[in-house]
Structure formats: structure tokens, C-alpha cells
PDB file of all heavy atoms in Angstrom:
ATOM      1  N   ASN A   1      21.020  -1.346  -8.134  1.00  0.00           N
ATOM      2  CA  ASN A   1      21.222  -2.190  -6.952  1.00  0.00           C
ATOM      3  C   ASN A   1      19.958  -2.385  -6.116  1.00  0.00           C
ATOM      4  O   ASN A   1      20.035  -2.844  -4.969  1.00  0.00           O
ATOM      5  CB  ASN A   1      22.340  -1.634  -6.062  1.00  0.00           C
ATOM      6  CG  ASN A   1      23.689  -1.599  -6.757  1.00  0.00           C
ATOM      7  OD1 ASN A   1      24.047  -2.552  -7.468  1.00  0.00           O
ATOM      8  ND2 ASN A   1      24.430  -0.513  -6.581  1.00  0.00           N
ATOM      9  N   ASP A   2      18.803  -2.050  -6.666  1.00  0.00           N
ATOM     10  CA  ASP A   2      17.533  -2.256  -5.954  1.00  0.00           C
ATOM     11  C   ASP A   2      16.704  -3.267  -6.741  1.00  0.00           C
ATOM     12  O   ASP A   2      16.295  -3.001  -7.872  1.00  0.00           O
ATOM     13  CB  ASP A   2      16.777  -0.932  -5.834  1.00  0.00           C
ATOM     14  CG  ASP A   2      15.509  -1.070  -4.996  1.00  0.00           C
ATOM     15  OD1 ASP A   2      15.232  -2.173  -4.500  1.00  0.00           O
ATOM     16  OD2 ASP A   2      14.799  -0.057  -4.843  1.00  0.00           O
ATOM     17  N   SER A   3      16.452  -4.416  -6.142  1.00  0.00           N
ATOM     18  CA  SER A   3      15.707  -5.467  -6.840  1.00  0.00           C
ATOM     19  C   SER A   3      14.313  -5.697  -6.266  1.00  0.00           C
ATOM     20  O   SER A   3      13.573  -6.551  -6.746  1.00  0.00           O
ATOM     21  CB  SER A   3      16.492  -6.786  -6.780  1.00  0.00           C
ATOM     22  OG  SER A   3      16.685  -7.179  -5.431  1.00  0.00           O
ATOM     23  N   ILE A   4      13.935  -4.919  -5.228  1.00  0.00           N
ATOM     24  CA  ILE A   4      12.629  -5.105  -4.599  1.00  0.00           C
ATOM     25  C   ILE A   4      11.613  -4.154  -5.219  1.00  0.00           C
ATOM     26  O   ILE A   4      11.776  -2.938  -5.181  1.00  0.00           O
ATOM     27  CB  ILE A   4      12.719  -4.872  -3.081  1.00  0.00           C
ATOM     28  CG1 ILE A   4      13.661  -5.891  -2.446  1.00  0.00           C
ATOM     29  CG2 ILE A   4      11.325  -4.982  -2.451  1.00  0.00           C
ATOM     30  CD1 ILE A   4      13.904  -5.675  -0.974  1.00  0.00           C
ATOM     31  N   TYR A   5      10.567  -4.734  -5.773  1.00  0.00           N
ATOM     32  CA  TYR A   5       9.470  -3.953  -6.343  1.00  0.00           C
ATOM     33  C   TYR A   5       8.454  -3.723  -5.217  1.00  0.00           C
ATOM     34  O   TYR A   5       7.543  -4.524  -5.023  1.00  0.00           O
ATOM     35  CB  TYR A   5       8.864  -4.688  -7.529  1.00  0.00           C
ATOM     36  CG  TYR A   5       9.747  -4.656  -8.763  1.00  0.00           C
ATOM     37  CD1 TYR A   5      11.017  -5.233  -8.773  1.00  0.00           C
ATOM     38  CD2 TYR A   5       9.318  -4.024  -9.928  1.00  0.00           C
ATOM     39  CE1 TYR A   5      11.841  -5.187  -9.889  1.00  0.00           C
ATOM     40  CE2 TYR A   5      10.126  -3.974 -11.061  1.00  0.00           C
ATOM     41  CZ  TYR A   5      11.383  -4.557 -11.022  1.00  0.00           C
ATOM     42  OH  TYR A   5      12.188  -4.501 -12.133  1.00  0.00           O
ATOM     43  N   ASN A   6       8.641  -2.616  -4.486  1.00  0.00           N
ATOM     44  CA  ASN A   6       7.894  -2.384  -3.252  1.00  0.00           C
ATOM     45  C   ASN A   6       6.400  -2.184  -3.460  1.00  0.00           C
ATOM     46  O   ASN A   6       5.611  -2.469  -2.564  1.00  0.00           O
ATOM     47  CB  ASN A   6       8.463  -1.170  -2.513  1.00  0.00           C
ATOM     48  CG  ASN A   6       9.937  -1.336  -2.195  1.00  0.00           C
ATOM     49  OD1 ASN A   6      10.783  -1.180  -3.063  1.00  0.00           O
ATOM     50  ND2 ASN A   6      10.254  -1.657  -0.957  1.00  0.00           N
ATOM     51  N   GLY A   7       5.994  -1.656  -4.615  1.00  0.00           N
ATOM     52  CA  GLY A   7       4.572  -1.458  -4.870  1.00  0.00           C
ATOM     53  C   GLY A   7       3.913  -0.526  -3.871  1.00  0.00           C
ATOM     54  O   GLY A   7       2.807  -0.791  -3.395  1.00  0.00           O
ATOM     55  N   ALA A   8       4.563   0.581  -3.568  1.00  0.00           N
ATOM     56  CA  ALA A   8       3.990   1.528  -2.608  1.00  0.00           C
ATOM     57  C   ALA A   8       2.677   2.109  -3.130  1.00  0.00           C
ATOM     58  O   ALA A   8       1.667   2.139  -2.420  1.00  0.00           O
ATOM     59  CB  ALA A   8       4.984   2.641  -2.317  1.00  0.00           C
ATOM     60  N   ASN A   9       2.697   2.560  -4.369  1.00  0.00           N
ATOM     61  CA  ASN A   9       1.471   3.085  -4.967  1.00  0.00           C
ATOM     62  C   ASN A   9       0.565   1.949  -5.432  1.00  0.00           C
ATOM     63  O   ASN A   9      -0.651   2.011  -5.313  1.00  0.00           O
ATOM     64  CB  ASN A   9       1.819   4.026  -6.126  1.00  0.00           C
ATOM     65  CG  ASN A   9       0.655   4.900  -6.531  1.00  0.00           C
ATOM     66  OD1 ASN A   9      -0.238   5.183  -5.737  1.00  0.00           O
ATOM     67  ND2 ASN A   9       0.658   5.353  -7.767  1.00  0.00           N
ATOM     68  N   ASP A  10       1.177   0.892  -5.960  1.00  0.00           N
ATOM     69  CA  ASP A  10       0.453  -0.233  -6.573  1.00  0.00           C
ATOM     70  C   ASP A  10       0.682  -1.508  -5.771  1.00  0.00           C
ATOM     71  O   ASP A  10       1.601  -2.257  -6.074  1.00  0.00           O
ATOM     72  CB  ASP A  10       0.957  -0.398  -8.014  1.00  0.00           C
ATOM     73  CG  ASP A  10       0.206  -1.454  -8.794  1.00  0.00           C
ATOM     74  OD1 ASP A  10      -0.868  -1.880  -8.343  1.00  0.00           O
ATOM     75  OD2 ASP A  10       0.714  -1.866  -9.839  1.00  0.00           O
ATOM     76  N   ASP A  11      -0.150  -1.857  -4.805  1.00  0.00           N
ATOM     77  CA  ASP A  11      -1.280  -1.075  -4.356  1.00  0.00           C
ATOM     78  C   ASP A  11      -1.278  -1.015  -2.834  1.00  0.00           C
ATOM     79  O   ASP A  11      -2.307  -1.194  -2.208  1.00  0.00           O
ATOM     80  CB  ASP A  11      -2.567  -1.688  -4.893  1.00  0.00           C
ATOM     81  CG  ASP A  11      -3.795  -0.812  -4.657  1.00  0.00           C
ATOM     82  OD1 ASP A  11      -3.638   0.412  -4.557  1.00  0.00           O
ATOM     83  OD2 ASP A  11      -4.903  -1.348  -4.569  1.00  0.00           O
ATOM     84  N   ALA A  12      -0.067  -0.786  -2.270  1.00  0.00           N
ATOM     85  CA  ALA A  12      -0.019  -0.553  -0.828  1.00  0.00           C
ATOM     86  C   ALA A  12      -0.844   0.677  -0.475  1.00  0.00           C
ATOM     87  O   ALA A  12      -1.426   0.750   0.616  1.00  0.00           O
ATOM     88  CB  ALA A  12       1.416  -0.390  -0.359  1.00  0.00           C
ATOM     89  N   SER A  13      -0.930   1.637  -1.399  1.00  0.00           N
ATOM     90  CA  SER A  13      -1.733   2.838  -1.135  1.00  0.00           C
ATOM     91  C   SER A  13      -3.208   2.481  -0.976  1.00  0.00           C
ATOM     92  O   SER A  13      -3.879   2.964  -0.055  1.00  0.00           O
ATOM     93  CB  SER A  13      -1.538   3.866  -2.247  1.00  0.00           C
ATOM     94  OG  SER A  13      -2.072   3.413  -3.486  1.00  0.00           O
ATOM     95  N   GLY A  14      -3.726   1.642  -1.846  1.00  0.00           N
ATOM     96  CA  GLY A  14      -5.125   1.229  -1.747  1.00  0.00           C
ATOM     97  C   GLY A  14      -5.387   0.396  -0.512  1.00  0.00           C
ATOM     98  O   GLY A  14      -6.418   0.557   0.167  1.00  0.00           O
ATOM     99  N   THR A  15      -4.459  -0.511  -0.197  1.00  0.00           N
ATOM    100  CA  THR A  15      -4.614  -1.346   0.997  1.00  0.00           C
ATOM    101  C   THR A  15      -4.574  -0.499   2.257  1.00  0.00           C
ATOM    102  O   THR A  15      -5.331  -0.732   3.209  1.00  0.00           O
ATOM    103  CB  THR A  15      -3.506  -2.414   1.040  1.00  0.00           C
ATOM    104  OG1 THR A  15      -3.518  -3.154  -0.186  1.00  0.00           O
ATOM    105  CG2 THR A  15      -3.714  -3.368   2.196  1.00  0.00           C
ATOM    106  N   THR A  16      -3.705   0.515   2.270  1.00  0.00           N
ATOM    107  CA  THR A  16      -3.663   1.459   3.384  1.00  0.00           C
ATOM    108  C   THR A  16      -5.010   2.152   3.551  1.00  0.00           C
ATOM    109  O   THR A  16      -5.505   2.336   4.673  1.00  0.00           O
ATOM    110  CB  THR A  16      -2.559   2.507   3.143  1.00  0.00           C
ATOM    111  OG1 THR A  16      -1.289   1.845   3.124  1.00  0.00           O
ATOM    112  CG2 THR A  16      -2.558   3.573   4.219  1.00  0.00           C
ATOM    113  N   ALA A  17      -5.620   2.528   2.434  1.00  0.00           N
ATOM    114  CA  ALA A  17      -6.934   3.172   2.481  1.00  0.00           C
ATOM    115  C   ALA A  17      -7.982   2.253   3.083  1.00  0.00           C
ATOM    116  O   ALA A  17      -8.810   2.678   3.902  1.00  0.00           O
ATOM    117  CB  ALA A  17      -7.347   3.618   1.080  1.00  0.00           C
ATOM    118  N   VAL A  18      -7.966   0.982   2.680  1.00  0.00           N
ATOM    119  CA  VAL A  18      -8.947   0.019   3.202  1.00  0.00           C
ATOM    120  C   VAL A  18      -8.797  -0.131   4.715  1.00  0.00           C
ATOM    121  O   VAL A  18      -9.789  -0.155   5.450  1.00  0.00           O
ATOM    122  CB  VAL A  18      -8.801  -1.345   2.491  1.00  0.00           C
ATOM    123  CG1 VAL A  18      -9.636  -2.422   3.199  1.00  0.00           C
ATOM    124  CG2 VAL A  18      -9.227  -1.233   1.032  1.00  0.00           C
ATOM    125  N   ILE A  19      -7.558  -0.222   5.193  1.00  0.00           N
ATOM    126  CA  ILE A  19      -7.319  -0.331   6.633  1.00  0.00           C
ATOM    127  C   ILE A  19      -7.793   0.925   7.360  1.00  0.00           C
ATOM    128  O   ILE A  19      -8.450   0.854   8.407  1.00  0.00           O
ATOM    129  CB  ILE A  19      -5.825  -0.592   6.900  1.00  0.00           C
ATOM    130  CG1 ILE A  19      -5.437  -1.991   6.407  1.00  0.00           C
ATOM    131  CG2 ILE A  19      -5.498  -0.440   8.383  1.00  0.00           C
ATOM    132  CD1 ILE A  19      -3.948  -2.275   6.449  1.00  0.00           C
ATOM    133  N   ALA A  20      -7.490   2.103   6.794  1.00  0.00           N
ATOM    134  CA  ALA A  20      -7.923   3.362   7.411  1.00  0.00           C
ATOM    135  C   ALA A  20      -9.447   3.466   7.458  1.00  0.00           C
ATOM    136  O   ALA A  20     -10.026   3.918   8.456  1.00  0.00           O
ATOM    137  CB  ALA A  20      -7.336   4.545   6.644  1.00  0.00           C
ATOM    138  N   LEU A  21     -10.104   3.043   6.394  1.00  0.00           N
ATOM    139  CA  LEU A  21     -11.563   3.097   6.334  1.00  0.00           C
ATOM    140  C   LEU A  21     -12.190   2.092   7.296  1.00  0.00           C
ATOM    141  O   LEU A  21     -13.239   2.369   7.893  1.00  0.00           O
ATOM    142  CB  LEU A  21     -12.037   2.842   4.902  1.00  0.00           C
ATOM    143  CG  LEU A  21     -11.722   3.964   3.911  1.00  0.00           C
ATOM    144  CD1 LEU A  21     -11.872   3.475   2.478  1.00  0.00           C
ATOM    145  CD2 LEU A  21     -12.607   5.175   4.157  1.00  0.00           C
ATOM    146  N   ALA A  22     -11.551   0.941   7.448  1.00  0.00           N
ATOM    147  CA  ALA A  22     -12.048  -0.051   8.407  1.00  0.00           C
ATOM    148  C   ALA A  22     -12.029   0.529   9.824  1.00  0.00           C
ATOM    149  O   ALA A  22     -12.997   0.389  10.591  1.00  0.00           O
ATOM    150  CB  ALA A  22     -11.210  -1.321   8.335  1.00  0.00           C
ATOM    151  N   LYS A  23     -10.933   1.173  10.176  1.00  0.00           N
ATOM    152  CA  LYS A  23     -10.823   1.783  11.504  1.00  0.00           C
ATOM    153  C   LYS A  23     -11.849   2.904  11.667  1.00  0.00           C
ATOM    154  O   LYS A  23     -12.479   3.052  12.731  1.00  0.00           O
ATOM    155  CB  LYS A  23      -9.407   2.320  11.717  1.00  0.00           C
ATOM    156  CG  LYS A  23      -8.344   1.234  11.789  1.00  0.00           C
ATOM    157  CD  LYS A  23      -6.950   1.844  11.912  1.00  0.00           C
ATOM    158  CE  LYS A  23      -5.882   0.771  12.005  1.00  0.00           C
ATOM    159  NZ  LYS A  23      -4.509   1.359  12.087  1.00  0.00           N
ATOM    160  N   TYR A  24     -12.015   3.704  10.627  1.00  0.00           N
ATOM    161  CA  TYR A  24     -12.949   4.830  10.671  1.00  0.00           C
ATOM    162  C   TYR A  24     -14.383   4.352  10.908  1.00  0.00           C
ATOM    163  O   TYR A  24     -15.071   4.838  11.824  1.00  0.00           O
ATOM    164  CB  TYR A  24     -12.854   5.611   9.366  1.00  0.00           C
ATOM    165  CG  TYR A  24     -13.973   6.603   9.147  1.00  0.00           C
ATOM    166  CD1 TYR A  24     -14.002   7.815   9.829  1.00  0.00           C
ATOM    167  CD2 TYR A  24     -15.010   6.324   8.257  1.00  0.00           C
ATOM    168  CE1 TYR A  24     -15.036   8.722   9.641  1.00  0.00           C
ATOM    169  CE2 TYR A  24     -16.042   7.217   8.065  1.00  0.00           C
ATOM    170  CZ  TYR A  24     -16.059   8.421   8.757  1.00  0.00           C
ATOM    171  OH  TYR A  24     -17.077   9.308   8.563  1.00  0.00           O
TER     172      TYR A  24
END
């Protein structure tokens, strides 16, 4: 019953890193 491919690891994780590094 789950049809959303959230892509948490692929690649929300990488995008999160880019945002964190930008702030840093």
C-alpha cells in the first residue's frame, strides 16, 4: 500500500549533505 518512492538515501541524503555544507 505504499506507492511513493521517497528516495531518502538516493539521494535526499546527498542533497541534505550539500545543504549542511553550504550552511557550514
